Protein backbone atom coordinates (compact mmCIF):
# COMPACT_ATOMS: atom_id res chain seq x y z
CA MET A 1 -52.93 -13.91 -46.55
CA GLN A 2 -55.66 -13.20 -48.66
CA THR A 3 -55.23 -13.55 -52.65
CA LYS A 4 -55.97 -10.25 -54.07
CA ASN A 5 -57.93 -9.53 -57.42
CA ILE A 6 -57.68 -7.50 -59.79
CA LEU A 7 -60.03 -6.35 -62.72
CA MET A 8 -58.32 -5.03 -66.07
CA VAL A 9 -60.61 -3.14 -68.32
CA LEU A 10 -59.58 -3.87 -72.07
CA THR A 11 -61.18 -1.48 -74.93
CA SER A 12 -63.53 -2.96 -77.35
CA HIS A 13 -63.05 -0.62 -80.60
CA ALA A 14 -61.02 -1.80 -83.08
CA GLU A 15 -61.29 0.96 -85.80
CA LEU A 16 -58.11 3.77 -86.08
CA GLY A 17 -61.08 7.11 -86.94
CA ASN A 18 -61.91 7.13 -90.68
CA THR A 19 -58.50 5.95 -91.57
CA GLY A 20 -59.56 2.52 -92.90
CA LYS A 21 -56.69 0.85 -90.27
CA LYS A 22 -57.34 -0.86 -87.30
CA THR A 23 -56.10 0.01 -83.36
CA GLY A 24 -56.94 -1.89 -80.43
CA PHE A 25 -55.19 -2.33 -77.08
CA TRP A 26 -51.39 -2.57 -77.33
CA VAL A 27 -50.10 -6.31 -76.13
CA GLU A 28 -47.52 -4.85 -74.04
CA GLU A 29 -49.48 -2.89 -71.82
CA PHE A 30 -51.43 -5.89 -71.75
CA ALA A 31 -49.01 -8.39 -71.09
CA ALA A 32 -46.71 -7.30 -68.92
CA PRO A 33 -48.73 -5.91 -66.29
CA TYR A 34 -50.83 -9.33 -66.78
CA TYR A 35 -47.91 -11.08 -66.20
CA ALA A 36 -46.79 -9.60 -63.00
CA PHE A 37 -50.02 -10.05 -61.75
CA LYS A 38 -50.68 -13.43 -62.03
CA ASP A 39 -46.67 -14.39 -61.25
CA ALA A 40 -47.46 -12.37 -57.25
CA GLY A 41 -50.16 -14.87 -57.01
CA ILE A 42 -53.22 -12.54 -58.08
CA ASN A 43 -56.40 -13.07 -59.34
CA VAL A 44 -57.05 -11.61 -62.79
CA THR A 45 -60.11 -11.08 -64.54
CA LEU A 46 -60.78 -9.44 -67.54
CA ALA A 47 -63.18 -6.99 -69.23
CA SER A 48 -64.19 -5.08 -71.94
CA PRO A 49 -66.97 -2.31 -72.79
CA ALA A 50 -68.66 -5.20 -75.68
CA GLY A 51 -67.42 -7.98 -73.97
CA GLY A 52 -66.15 -11.10 -75.80
CA GLN A 53 -62.76 -10.57 -78.03
CA ALA A 54 -60.75 -7.46 -76.86
CA PRO A 55 -59.22 -6.09 -80.61
CA ILE A 56 -55.38 -5.93 -80.24
CA ASP A 57 -53.66 -3.05 -82.19
CA PRO A 58 -51.55 -4.63 -85.22
CA THR A 59 -49.43 -2.43 -85.46
CA SER A 60 -48.54 -3.81 -81.64
CA GLU A 61 -47.74 -7.52 -82.90
CA LEU A 62 -44.87 -6.12 -84.91
CA ASP A 63 -41.23 -7.61 -84.12
CA ASP A 64 -39.98 -3.90 -83.23
CA PHE A 65 -42.42 -4.00 -80.49
CA GLN A 66 -41.68 -7.35 -79.18
CA THR A 67 -40.65 -8.03 -75.35
CA THR A 68 -40.42 -10.99 -72.85
CA ALA A 69 -44.25 -10.40 -72.18
CA THR A 70 -45.47 -10.47 -75.12
CA LYS A 71 -43.96 -13.17 -76.61
CA ARG A 72 -45.16 -15.20 -73.74
CA TYR A 73 -48.37 -13.85 -74.51
CA PHE A 74 -48.12 -15.35 -77.52
CA GLU A 75 -47.24 -18.57 -76.89
CA ASP A 76 -50.20 -18.82 -74.31
CA ALA A 77 -53.19 -20.38 -75.25
CA GLU A 78 -55.07 -20.04 -71.84
CA SER A 79 -54.29 -16.05 -71.19
CA GLN A 80 -55.05 -15.25 -75.31
CA ASN A 81 -58.55 -17.31 -74.46
CA LEU A 82 -59.33 -15.14 -71.52
CA ILE A 83 -58.72 -12.44 -74.40
CA ALA A 84 -61.26 -13.63 -76.79
CA ASN A 85 -63.76 -14.38 -73.68
CA THR A 86 -63.97 -10.72 -71.99
CA GLN A 87 -66.52 -10.09 -69.25
CA ALA A 88 -69.02 -7.59 -70.30
CA LEU A 89 -67.91 -4.21 -68.53
CA ALA A 90 -71.88 -4.08 -67.57
CA GLN A 91 -71.71 -6.89 -65.57
CA ILE A 92 -68.77 -6.41 -63.41
CA ASN A 93 -69.47 -5.80 -59.56
CA SER A 94 -66.31 -3.27 -58.21
CA GLU A 95 -66.95 -5.39 -54.94
CA TYR A 96 -65.40 -8.34 -55.73
CA PHE A 97 -61.80 -6.16 -57.15
CA ASP A 98 -59.07 -4.72 -54.88
CA ALA A 99 -57.67 -2.51 -57.97
CA VAL A 100 -58.81 -2.10 -61.56
CA PHE A 101 -56.13 -1.26 -64.10
CA TYR A 102 -56.30 0.11 -67.35
CA PRO A 103 -54.44 -1.28 -70.19
CA GLY A 104 -53.92 1.93 -73.22
CA GLY A 105 -53.31 1.38 -77.11
CA HIS A 106 -54.84 4.10 -79.24
CA GLY A 107 -58.40 2.15 -78.52
CA PRO A 108 -59.76 3.59 -75.13
CA LEU A 109 -59.88 7.29 -76.78
CA TRP A 110 -62.91 5.86 -78.83
CA ASP A 111 -64.97 3.42 -75.79
CA LEU A 112 -63.78 3.98 -72.90
CA THR A 113 -63.42 7.95 -72.29
CA ASP A 114 -67.67 8.26 -71.86
CA ASN A 115 -68.33 5.47 -71.12
CA THR A 116 -70.91 5.14 -68.21
CA ASN A 117 -70.11 1.74 -67.11
CA SER A 118 -66.50 2.52 -67.09
CA ILE A 119 -66.88 6.25 -65.23
CA GLN A 120 -69.45 4.86 -62.57
CA LEU A 121 -66.96 1.89 -62.28
CA ILE A 122 -63.69 3.97 -61.37
CA GLU A 123 -66.16 6.21 -59.17
CA GLN A 124 -66.88 3.55 -56.95
CA PHE A 125 -63.49 1.92 -56.86
CA ILE A 126 -62.03 5.69 -55.50
CA ALA A 127 -64.95 5.59 -53.35
CA ALA A 128 -63.94 2.42 -51.72
CA SER A 129 -60.35 3.67 -51.26
CA LYS A 130 -59.59 1.22 -54.24
CA PRO A 131 -56.74 2.19 -56.63
CA VAL A 132 -56.78 2.97 -60.26
CA ALA A 133 -54.14 2.02 -62.52
CA ALA A 134 -53.92 3.48 -65.99
CA VAL A 135 -51.21 3.50 -68.70
CA CYS A 136 -50.35 5.76 -71.91
CA HIS A 137 -53.66 6.71 -73.94
CA ALA A 138 -56.10 4.34 -71.37
CA THR A 139 -55.71 7.42 -68.94
CA ALA A 140 -58.79 8.57 -71.05
CA ALA A 141 -60.70 6.24 -68.80
CA LEU A 142 -60.12 9.30 -66.31
CA LEU A 143 -60.98 12.05 -67.64
CA ASN A 144 -64.74 12.52 -66.98
CA VAL A 145 -64.59 10.27 -63.55
CA LYS A 146 -65.86 12.84 -60.93
CA ASP A 147 -65.00 12.77 -56.88
CA SER A 148 -67.62 12.82 -54.33
CA ASN A 149 -68.05 16.47 -54.55
CA GLY A 150 -68.39 16.54 -58.25
CA GLU A 151 -64.92 17.34 -59.49
CA TYR A 152 -62.71 16.06 -61.80
CA ALA A 153 -60.80 12.91 -60.35
CA VAL A 154 -57.80 14.23 -62.09
CA LYS A 155 -58.04 17.51 -60.79
CA GLY A 156 -55.09 19.08 -58.66
CA LYS A 157 -53.55 15.72 -59.50
CA ALA A 158 -50.26 14.30 -60.69
CA VAL A 159 -51.16 12.21 -64.16
CA SER A 160 -49.17 11.54 -67.26
CA GLY A 161 -50.65 9.86 -70.43
CA PHE A 162 -49.33 9.89 -73.89
CA THR A 163 -47.77 12.63 -74.83
CA ASN A 164 -49.01 15.43 -77.66
CA THR A 165 -45.06 15.11 -78.97
CA GLU A 166 -45.54 10.84 -78.89
CA GLU A 167 -48.79 10.83 -80.70
CA ASP A 168 -47.12 13.22 -83.30
CA ALA A 169 -44.30 11.34 -83.56
CA VAL A 170 -46.59 8.43 -84.22
CA GLN A 171 -48.38 10.42 -87.09
CA LEU A 172 -51.82 10.32 -85.39
CA THR A 173 -53.04 13.58 -84.39
CA ASP A 174 -55.27 14.21 -86.92
CA ILE A 175 -56.33 11.04 -86.60
CA VAL A 176 -57.48 11.12 -82.75
CA PRO A 177 -60.67 12.21 -81.82
CA PHE A 178 -58.27 14.35 -78.96
CA LEU A 179 -55.38 15.26 -77.84
CA LEU A 180 -55.01 13.08 -74.01
CA GLU A 181 -52.40 15.56 -73.09
CA ASP A 182 -54.65 18.76 -73.88
CA GLU A 183 -57.87 17.29 -72.36
CA LEU A 184 -56.39 16.01 -68.92
CA ILE A 185 -54.33 19.64 -68.20
CA LYS A 186 -58.12 21.10 -69.23
CA ARG A 187 -59.18 19.17 -66.01
CA GLY A 188 -57.08 20.58 -63.82
CA ALA A 189 -54.45 17.69 -63.70
CA ASP A 190 -51.17 18.22 -63.21
CA TYR A 191 -49.82 16.62 -65.97
CA GLN A 192 -46.68 14.91 -66.09
CA LYS A 193 -44.55 13.38 -68.22
CA VAL A 194 -40.92 13.00 -69.36
CA GLU A 195 -38.75 12.38 -72.88
CA ASP A 196 -40.86 10.48 -75.22
CA TRP A 197 -40.45 6.85 -74.73
CA HIS A 198 -39.39 7.20 -71.79
CA ALA A 199 -40.67 4.78 -68.97
CA PHE A 200 -42.30 7.15 -66.45
CA ALA A 201 -45.10 6.27 -64.04
CA VAL A 202 -46.35 8.72 -60.91
CA GLN A 203 -48.77 7.78 -58.26
CA ASP A 204 -50.90 10.68 -56.62
CA GLY A 205 -53.08 8.92 -54.07
CA LEU A 206 -55.38 6.29 -55.31
CA LEU A 207 -54.60 6.99 -59.45
CA ILE A 208 -51.54 5.80 -60.55
CA SER A 209 -50.56 6.16 -64.48
CA GLY A 210 -47.62 5.80 -66.72
CA GLN A 211 -47.27 7.67 -69.78
CA ASN A 212 -46.34 5.12 -72.58
CA PRO A 213 -46.35 1.39 -73.25
CA ALA A 214 -42.37 1.87 -71.94
CA SER A 215 -44.11 2.52 -68.88
CA SER A 216 -46.48 -0.50 -68.06
CA ILE A 217 -44.84 -2.51 -66.13
CA LEU A 218 -44.06 0.52 -63.72
CA VAL A 219 -47.85 1.19 -62.95
CA ALA A 220 -48.02 -2.80 -62.46
CA GLU A 221 -45.06 -2.75 -59.47
CA LYS A 222 -46.88 0.73 -58.35
CA LEU A 223 -50.37 -0.82 -58.49
CA MET A 224 -48.91 -4.25 -56.06
CA ARG A 225 -47.33 -1.91 -53.51
CA GLN A 226 -50.50 -0.06 -53.21
CA LEU A 227 -52.21 -3.77 -52.70
CA ASN A 228 -49.20 -4.76 -50.70
CA GLY A 229 -49.14 -1.76 -48.44
């Protein structure tokens, strides 16, 4: 069987609005899918808007948020090196990949929502009938993607992402540039969610999305099933 290739797109954005605090990608949302893909024999390539070091959200490094996958990452020098040397999105050719996965963290709200390289890539994946997966705040990368008819790709599609009440719980409602749940609904998405912090992932055609950090492995599993289908 031919080896599959997945592109994982991480944020390059490290500033949490004008709070003076740091953000980036959420370690669990990268690590759990990354190792699921690697353990399944899938090749993984890491990219980000700026290339180079993708910033980790320091909150996601706290003890409370550690899982088997994050502990594995923090002991894995090879993977840490890949995070330190991501490829620049502008250099990525979608033809080389079978699917794309966007890990969340607050960073993507700032640098992946309007990123033309990212939008173009996702549009190319969809046009080629390749699955596009995102978890938590990274669903923001889908907001401005259009389909071949010029409609928003999320319009009429079941999509999840970080909820307004989860944003409120982490006290960042007034810090983030927009509320993801609201923006998905504005674009006509069939926004879906479960109780705060519960694992939830949904697939609608080529779009696979998860609500929060706990959902990252569910999204990865749906993506692998789609690839092996």
